[in-house]
């Protein structure tokens, strides 16, 4: 019998990534990162496998000692069931340990941080969300970051040319 053409990679990191929030690094200074599970419905899991997710304007709120993901767009597949009405922007509960949530509450309320999702990926068949504590950047901080990134790129180009 012939084997299928699929091969498993050792790291599997690139294939397990569902979505990245690249705008978060530009708009915020990211400090501490945590991993959280996501409570999903069946159609949402299928859409994630198809890569139909956008996290650009999403954020995390802490209510009643629980964490919720708001603003994440998971587009339903056209083959979704007809007896349900999928809501692409519904709030999704994040699954975290109590001590992690308590630490986040302290950082958000006392220190003025925001909670931003930075990446969504598969880990052992379950969807995981990477959360970062973030402080908003001012406009001049964004320009400084862009200038530093351009200088690093030019420096690498000069070193490669020699």
C-alpha atoms as a PDB file:
ATOM      1  CA  UNK A   1       0.000   0.000   0.000  1.00  0.00           C
ATOM      2  CA  UNK A   2       1.158   3.492  -0.705  1.00  0.00           C
ATOM      3  CA  UNK A   3       1.641   5.892   2.190  1.00  0.00           C
ATOM      4  CA  UNK A   4      -0.003   9.278   2.231  1.00  0.00           C
ATOM      5  CA  UNK A   5       2.093  12.304   1.318  1.00  0.00           C
ATOM      6  CA  UNK A   6       1.759  13.929   4.754  1.00  0.00           C
ATOM      7  CA  UNK A   7       4.870  13.983   6.918  1.00  0.00           C
ATOM      8  CA  UNK A   8       5.056  14.934  10.544  1.00  0.00           C
ATOM      9  CA  UNK A   9       7.658  17.520  11.446  1.00  0.00           C
ATOM     10  CA  UNK A  10       9.694  17.273  14.614  1.00  0.00           C
ATOM     11  CA  UNK A  11       8.974  20.763  15.908  1.00  0.00           C
ATOM     12  CA  UNK A  12       5.589  21.267  14.258  1.00  0.00           C
ATOM     13  CA  UNK A  13       5.609  24.866  15.488  1.00  0.00           C
ATOM     14  CA  UNK A  14       4.944  26.544  12.155  1.00  0.00           C
ATOM     15  CA  UNK A  15       2.086  24.229  11.223  1.00  0.00           C
ATOM     16  CA  UNK A  16       0.437  24.547  14.651  1.00  0.00           C
ATOM     17  CA  UNK A  17       0.057  28.332  14.460  1.00  0.00           C
ATOM     18  CA  UNK A  18      -3.490  29.398  13.666  1.00  0.00           C
ATOM     19  CA  UNK A  19      -3.202  33.194  13.803  1.00  0.00           C
ATOM     20  CA  UNK A  20      -0.830  35.932  14.958  1.00  0.00           C
ATOM     21  CA  UNK A  21      -1.674  39.410  16.172  1.00  0.00           C
ATOM     22  CA  UNK A  22       1.179  41.333  14.539  1.00  0.00           C
ATOM     23  CA  UNK A  23      -0.399  44.694  15.271  1.00  0.00           C
ATOM     24  CA  UNK A  24      -0.048  44.077  19.017  1.00  0.00           C
ATOM     25  CA  UNK A  25       3.748  44.399  18.905  1.00  0.00           C
ATOM     26  CA  UNK A  26       3.434  47.693  17.054  1.00  0.00           C
ATOM     27  CA  UNK A  27       0.792  49.278  19.296  1.00  0.00           C
ATOM     28  CA  UNK A  28       1.840  47.928  22.712  1.00  0.00           C
ATOM     29  CA  UNK A  29       4.900  47.195  24.800  1.00  0.00           C
ATOM     30  CA  UNK A  30       4.453  43.527  25.680  1.00  0.00           C
ATOM     31  CA  UNK A  31       5.850  42.286  28.977  1.00  0.00           C
ATOM     32  CA  UNK A  32       4.545  39.031  30.445  1.00  0.00           C
ATOM     33  CA  UNK A  33       3.086  36.177  28.364  1.00  0.00           C
ATOM     34  CA  UNK A  34       0.694  33.431  29.453  1.00  0.00           C
ATOM     35  CA  UNK A  35      -1.058  30.510  27.782  1.00  0.00           C
ATOM     36  CA  UNK A  36      -4.804  29.977  28.060  1.00  0.00           C
ATOM     37  CA  UNK A  37      -7.258  27.472  26.642  1.00  0.00           C
ATOM     38  CA  UNK A  38     -10.369  28.601  24.783  1.00  0.00           C
ATOM     39  CA  UNK A  39     -13.921  27.297  25.236  1.00  0.00           C
ATOM     40  CA  UNK A  40     -15.133  26.783  21.663  1.00  0.00           C
ATOM     41  CA  UNK A  41     -18.210  25.447  19.926  1.00  0.00           C
ATOM     42  CA  UNK A  42     -17.928  22.768  17.246  1.00  0.00           C
ATOM     43  CA  UNK A  43     -18.255  25.069  14.253  1.00  0.00           C
ATOM     44  CA  UNK A  44     -15.567  27.346  15.717  1.00  0.00           C
ATOM     45  CA  UNK A  45     -13.063  24.506  15.981  1.00  0.00           C
ATOM     46  CA  UNK A  46     -13.685  23.607  12.340  1.00  0.00           C
ATOM     47  CA  UNK A  47     -13.199  27.222  11.292  1.00  0.00           C
ATOM     48  CA  UNK A  48      -9.946  27.408  13.256  1.00  0.00           C
ATOM     49  CA  UNK A  49      -8.675  24.315  11.460  1.00  0.00           C
ATOM     50  CA  UNK A  50      -9.444  26.108   8.183  1.00  0.00           C
ATOM     51  CA  UNK A  51      -7.620  29.234   9.424  1.00  0.00           C
ATOM     52  CA  UNK A  52     -10.683  31.516   9.371  1.00  0.00           C
ATOM     53  CA  UNK A  53      -9.773  33.728  12.362  1.00  0.00           C
ATOM     54  CA  UNK A  54      -8.794  37.381  12.841  1.00  0.00           C
ATOM     55  CA  UNK A  55      -7.502  38.757  16.147  1.00  0.00           C
ATOM     56  CA  UNK A  56      -6.642  42.325  15.108  1.00  0.00           C
ATOM     57  CA  UNK A  57      -8.975  44.283  17.397  1.00  0.00           C
ATOM     58  CA  UNK A  58      -9.473  41.635  20.058  1.00  0.00           C
ATOM     59  CA  UNK A  59      -8.860  42.103  23.767  1.00  0.00           C
ATOM     60  CA  UNK A  60      -9.362  40.267  27.050  1.00  0.00           C
ATOM     61  CA  UNK A  61     -11.575  41.375  29.927  1.00  0.00           C
ATOM     62  CA  UNK A  62     -11.647  39.978  33.445  1.00  0.00           C
ATOM     63  CA  UNK A  63     -15.163  39.702  34.903  1.00  0.00           C
ATOM     64  CA  UNK A  64     -16.248  37.804  38.025  1.00  0.00           C
ATOM     65  CA  UNK A  65     -12.769  36.250  38.369  1.00  0.00           C
ATOM     66  CA  UNK A  66     -13.006  34.808  34.856  1.00  0.00           C
ATOM     67  CA  UNK A  67     -11.251  35.835  31.632  1.00  0.00           C
ATOM     68  CA  UNK A  68     -13.143  36.408  28.363  1.00  0.00           C
ATOM     69  CA  UNK A  69     -11.911  37.039  24.825  1.00  0.00           C
ATOM     70  CA  UNK A  70     -13.788  39.841  23.043  1.00  0.00           C
ATOM     71  CA  UNK A  71     -13.646  40.995  19.436  1.00  0.00           C
ATOM     72  CA  UNK A  72     -12.018  37.905  17.938  1.00  0.00           C
ATOM     73  CA  UNK A  73     -13.618  37.154  14.572  1.00  0.00           C
ATOM     74  CA  UNK A  74     -14.026  33.466  13.738  1.00  0.00           C
ATOM     75  CA  UNK A  75     -15.757  33.254  10.381  1.00  0.00           C
ATOM     76  CA  UNK A  76     -18.158  30.300  10.123  1.00  0.00           C
ATOM     77  CA  UNK A  77     -17.616  27.887   7.281  1.00  0.00           C
ATOM     78  CA  UNK A  78     -20.352  27.749   4.641  1.00  0.00           C
ATOM     79  CA  UNK A  79     -20.839  24.075   5.469  1.00  0.00           C
ATOM     80  CA  UNK A  80     -21.797  24.869   9.078  1.00  0.00           C
ATOM     81  CA  UNK A  81     -24.947  23.297  10.421  1.00  0.00           C
ATOM     82  CA  UNK A  82     -28.224  24.915   9.423  1.00  0.00           C
ATOM     83  CA  UNK A  83     -29.948  24.463  12.786  1.00  0.00           C
ATOM     84  CA  UNK A  84     -27.620  26.862  14.628  1.00  0.00           C
ATOM     85  CA  UNK A  85     -27.001  30.559  14.093  1.00  0.00           C
ATOM     86  CA  UNK A  86     -23.244  31.078  14.452  1.00  0.00           C
ATOM     87  CA  UNK A  87     -22.133  34.380  16.011  1.00  0.00           C
ATOM     88  CA  UNK A  88     -18.654  35.155  14.631  1.00  0.00           C
ATOM     89  CA  UNK A  89     -17.822  37.791  17.281  1.00  0.00           C
ATOM     90  CA  UNK A  90     -19.227  36.176  20.412  1.00  0.00           C
ATOM     91  CA  UNK A  91     -17.272  36.419  23.653  1.00  0.00           C
ATOM     92  CA  UNK A  92     -15.312  33.252  24.411  1.00  0.00           C
ATOM     93  CA  UNK A  93     -14.326  32.101  27.874  1.00  0.00           C
ATOM     94  CA  UNK A  94     -10.627  31.543  28.499  1.00  0.00           C
ATOM     95  CA  UNK A  95      -9.583  28.557  30.567  1.00  0.00           C
ATOM     96  CA  UNK A  96      -6.884  29.465  33.096  1.00  0.00           C
ATOM     97  CA  UNK A  97      -5.800  28.528  36.605  1.00  0.00           C
ATOM     98  CA  UNK A  98      -7.089  30.644  39.500  1.00  0.00           C
ATOM     99  CA  UNK A  99      -3.615  31.878  40.517  1.00  0.00           C
ATOM    100  CA  UNK A 100      -2.935  33.050  36.932  1.00  0.00           C
ATOM    101  CA  UNK A 101      -6.199  35.001  36.838  1.00  0.00           C
ATOM    102  CA  UNK A 102      -5.469  36.549  40.258  1.00  0.00           C
ATOM    103  CA  UNK A 103      -2.058  37.686  39.061  1.00  0.00           C
ATOM    104  CA  UNK A 104      -3.589  39.207  35.922  1.00  0.00           C
ATOM    105  CA  UNK A 105      -6.250  41.006  37.940  1.00  0.00           C
ATOM    106  CA  UNK A 106      -3.527  42.570  40.085  1.00  0.00           C
ATOM    107  CA  UNK A 107      -1.543  43.729  37.059  1.00  0.00           C
ATOM    108  CA  UNK A 108      -4.551  45.130  35.222  1.00  0.00           C
ATOM    109  CA  UNK A 109      -6.163  46.954  38.152  1.00  0.00           C
ATOM    110  CA  UNK A 110      -3.104  48.224  40.048  1.00  0.00           C
ATOM    111  CA  UNK A 111      -0.434  48.694  37.409  1.00  0.00           C
ATOM    112  CA  UNK A 112      -2.590  49.828  34.481  1.00  0.00           C
ATOM    113  CA  UNK A 113      -1.775  47.024  32.040  1.00  0.00           C
ATOM    114  CA  UNK A 114      -4.058  45.715  29.295  1.00  0.00           C
ATOM    115  CA  UNK A 115      -4.520  42.103  28.258  1.00  0.00           C
ATOM    116  CA  UNK A 116      -3.913  41.452  24.573  1.00  0.00           C
ATOM    117  CA  UNK A 117      -4.013  38.149  22.658  1.00  0.00           C
ATOM    118  CA  UNK A 118      -0.815  37.757  20.638  1.00  0.00           C
ATOM    119  CA  UNK A 119      -1.106  34.291  19.072  1.00  0.00           C
ATOM    120  CA  UNK A 120      -3.494  31.395  18.633  1.00  0.00           C
ATOM    121  CA  UNK A 121      -2.136  27.902  18.061  1.00  0.00           C
ATOM    122  CA  UNK A 122      -2.799  24.177  18.423  1.00  0.00           C
ATOM    123  CA  UNK A 123      -1.200  22.256  21.264  1.00  0.00           C
ATOM    124  CA  UNK A 124      -1.958  18.537  21.626  1.00  0.00           C
ATOM    125  CA  UNK A 125      -5.142  18.936  19.588  1.00  0.00           C
ATOM    126  CA  UNK A 126      -6.483  21.839  21.658  1.00  0.00           C
ATOM    127  CA  UNK A 127      -6.691  25.501  20.686  1.00  0.00           C
ATOM    128  CA  UNK A 128      -4.520  27.697  22.891  1.00  0.00           C
ATOM    129  CA  UNK A 129      -4.263  31.469  23.115  1.00  0.00           C
ATOM    130  CA  UNK A 130      -1.110  33.344  24.048  1.00  0.00           C
ATOM    131  CA  UNK A 131      -1.932  36.358  26.216  1.00  0.00           C
ATOM    132  CA  UNK A 132       0.413  39.247  26.928  1.00  0.00           C
ATOM    133  CA  UNK A 133       0.313  41.994  29.530  1.00  0.00           C
ATOM    134  CA  UNK A 134       0.678  45.181  27.524  1.00  0.00           C
ATOM    135  CA  UNK A 135       1.113  48.912  27.953  1.00  0.00           C
ATOM    136  CA  UNK A 136       0.079  51.217  25.123  1.00  0.00           C
ATOM    137  CA  UNK A 137       2.831  52.932  23.157  1.00  0.00           C
ATOM    138  CA  UNK A 138       2.850  56.627  22.437  1.00  0.00           C
ATOM    139  CA  UNK A 139       3.343  57.823  18.856  1.00  0.00           C
ATOM    140  CA  UNK A 140       7.009  58.721  19.413  1.00  0.00           C
ATOM    141  CA  UNK A 141       7.658  55.240  20.854  1.00  0.00           C
ATOM    142  CA  UNK A 142       6.256  53.688  17.694  1.00  0.00           C
ATOM    143  CA  UNK A 143       8.529  55.839  15.536  1.00  0.00           C
ATOM    144  CA  UNK A 144      11.542  54.868  17.636  1.00  0.00           C
ATOM    145  CA  UNK A 145      10.694  51.189  17.241  1.00  0.00           C
ATOM    146  CA  UNK A 146      10.406  51.546  13.466  1.00  0.00           C
ATOM    147  CA  UNK A 147      13.690  53.447  13.298  1.00  0.00           C
ATOM    148  CA  UNK A 148      15.504  50.782  15.340  1.00  0.00           C
ATOM    149  CA  UNK A 149      14.066  47.987  13.210  1.00  0.00           C
ATOM    150  CA  UNK A 150      15.158  49.736   9.998  1.00  0.00           C
ATOM    151  CA  UNK A 151      18.652  50.292  11.397  1.00  0.00           C
ATOM    152  CA  UNK A 152      18.986  46.604  12.357  1.00  0.00           C
ATOM    153  CA  UNK A 153      17.893  45.607   8.853  1.00  0.00           C
ATOM    154  CA  UNK A 154      20.393  48.003   7.226  1.00  0.00           C
ATOM    155  CA  UNK A 155      23.156  46.804   9.547  1.00  0.00           C
ATOM    156  CA  UNK A 156      22.512  43.177   8.573  1.00  0.00           C
ATOM    157  CA  UNK A 157      22.506  44.159   4.905  1.00  0.00           C
ATOM    158  CA  UNK A 158      25.872  45.937   5.278  1.00  0.00           C
ATOM    159  CA  UNK A 159      27.442  43.034   7.162  1.00  0.00           C
ATOM    160  CA  UNK A 160      26.184  40.544   4.580  1.00  0.00           C
ATOM    161  CA  UNK A 161      27.647  42.607   1.715  1.00  0.00           C
ATOM    162  CA  UNK A 162      31.198  42.525   3.110  1.00  0.00           C
END
